[in-house]
Amino acid sequence: MKRSGNTGFAILLIGCGALILLDKIGLGLGSLMSYIIPIAMVLLGWMSVQRGSRFFGWVLMVVGAIILLGKFSGLIGLIVAIGLIGYGVTMLKRSSTTI
């Protein structure tokens, strides 16, 4: 049996549909589902760009990335806060050695 190039794409679509269906009937993966869909959107967009559908692919990738940024905003805020504290501490250490 010869497989076409769309086999991986078809399996990805079937998997995403099955996960959505399981989530709707109460057997889903809970909060993990909210990360799977945007990641799948980015991957499907990337595959569309590679296959030549540039406009649709870029739109799908950008929308998926924006959703992921919203999901990771708490983590990004935590990293920025730690970075600011660390930078402030190093500034204090430098200024105390020059006095």
Protein backbone atom coordinates (compact mmCIF):
# COMPACT_ATOMS: atom_id res chain seq x y z
CA MET A 1 0.00 0.00 0.00
CA LYS A 2 1.49 3.30 -1.09
CA ARG A 3 1.07 6.29 1.23
CA SER A 4 0.69 9.79 -0.07
CA GLY A 5 2.23 12.89 1.50
CA ASN A 6 -1.08 13.70 3.20
CA THR A 7 -0.99 10.64 5.49
CA GLY A 8 0.73 12.46 8.36
CA PHE A 9 -1.61 15.40 8.00
CA ALA A 10 -4.66 13.10 8.02
CA ILE A 11 -3.42 11.29 11.15
CA LEU A 12 -2.85 14.65 12.87
CA LEU A 13 -6.39 15.77 12.01
CA ILE A 14 -7.88 12.48 13.23
CA GLY A 15 -5.92 12.72 16.47
CA CYS A 16 -6.99 16.32 17.12
CA GLY A 17 -10.61 15.45 16.36
CA ALA A 18 -10.49 12.46 18.69
CA LEU A 19 -9.02 14.55 21.50
CA ILE A 20 -11.71 17.21 21.06
CA LEU A 21 -14.42 14.56 21.02
CA LEU A 22 -13.06 12.89 24.17
CA ASP A 23 -12.92 16.27 25.89
CA LYS A 24 -16.53 17.03 24.98
CA ILE A 25 -17.83 13.77 26.43
CA GLY A 26 -15.88 14.24 29.66
CA LEU A 27 -12.94 11.92 29.06
CA GLY A 28 -10.53 14.58 27.89
CA LEU A 29 -7.15 15.68 29.07
CA GLY A 30 -8.44 18.77 30.87
CA SER A 31 -6.12 21.75 30.84
CA LEU A 32 -3.66 19.97 28.54
CA MET A 33 -6.28 20.25 25.79
CA SER A 34 -6.01 24.03 25.88
CA TYR A 35 -2.34 23.73 24.89
CA ILE A 36 -2.74 21.00 22.28
CA ILE A 37 -5.07 23.00 20.00
CA PRO A 38 -2.82 26.09 19.60
CA ILE A 39 0.25 23.88 19.13
CA ALA A 40 -1.64 21.94 16.47
CA MET A 41 -2.63 25.23 14.82
CA VAL A 42 1.04 26.29 14.64
CA LEU A 43 2.05 22.89 13.25
CA LEU A 44 -0.75 22.86 10.67
CA GLY A 45 0.20 26.39 9.65
CA TRP A 46 3.82 25.37 9.23
CA MET A 47 2.78 22.38 7.12
CA SER A 48 0.58 24.67 4.97
CA VAL A 49 3.47 27.07 4.40
CA GLN A 50 5.71 24.17 3.40
CA ARG A 51 3.09 22.91 0.93
CA GLY A 52 2.70 26.31 -0.73
CA SER A 53 -0.41 27.76 0.90
CA ARG A 54 1.52 30.66 2.40
CA PHE A 55 -1.30 33.03 3.34
CA PHE A 56 -3.46 30.43 5.11
CA GLY A 57 -0.41 28.87 6.76
CA TRP A 58 0.92 32.16 8.14
CA VAL A 59 -2.52 33.17 9.40
CA LEU A 60 -2.90 29.83 11.18
CA MET A 61 0.59 30.03 12.67
CA VAL A 62 0.14 33.61 13.91
CA VAL A 63 -3.25 32.88 15.50
CA GLY A 64 -1.87 29.74 17.18
CA ALA A 65 1.20 31.63 18.43
CA ILE A 66 -0.94 34.44 19.86
CA ILE A 67 -3.08 31.89 21.71
CA LEU A 68 0.06 30.19 23.05
CA LEU A 69 1.49 33.51 24.22
CA GLY A 70 -1.74 34.09 26.14
CA LYS A 71 -1.44 30.65 27.72
CA PHE A 72 2.18 31.24 28.73
CA SER A 73 1.68 34.85 29.88
CA GLY A 74 1.93 33.88 33.56
CA LEU A 75 5.20 32.06 32.97
CA ILE A 76 6.56 34.91 30.84
CA GLY A 77 5.64 37.40 33.59
CA LEU A 78 7.42 35.25 36.17
CA ILE A 79 10.57 35.08 34.04
CA VAL A 80 10.53 38.86 33.48
CA ALA A 81 10.07 39.48 37.23
CA ILE A 82 13.00 37.21 38.12
CA GLY A 83 15.13 38.88 35.46
CA LEU A 84 14.33 42.37 36.78
CA ILE A 85 15.15 41.34 40.35
CA GLY A 86 18.42 39.78 39.26
CA TYR A 87 19.39 42.82 37.21
CA GLY A 88 18.52 45.15 40.10
CA VAL A 89 20.65 43.11 42.51
CA THR A 90 23.65 43.22 40.16
CA MET A 91 23.20 46.99 39.76
CA LEU A 92 23.21 47.38 43.57
CA LYS A 93 26.33 45.24 43.89
CA ARG A 94 28.14 47.31 41.25
CA SER A 95 27.16 50.63 42.82
CA SER A 96 28.19 49.52 46.32
CA THR A 97 31.68 48.54 45.15
CA THR A 98 32.25 51.92 43.47
CA ILE A 99 31.36 53.97 46.57
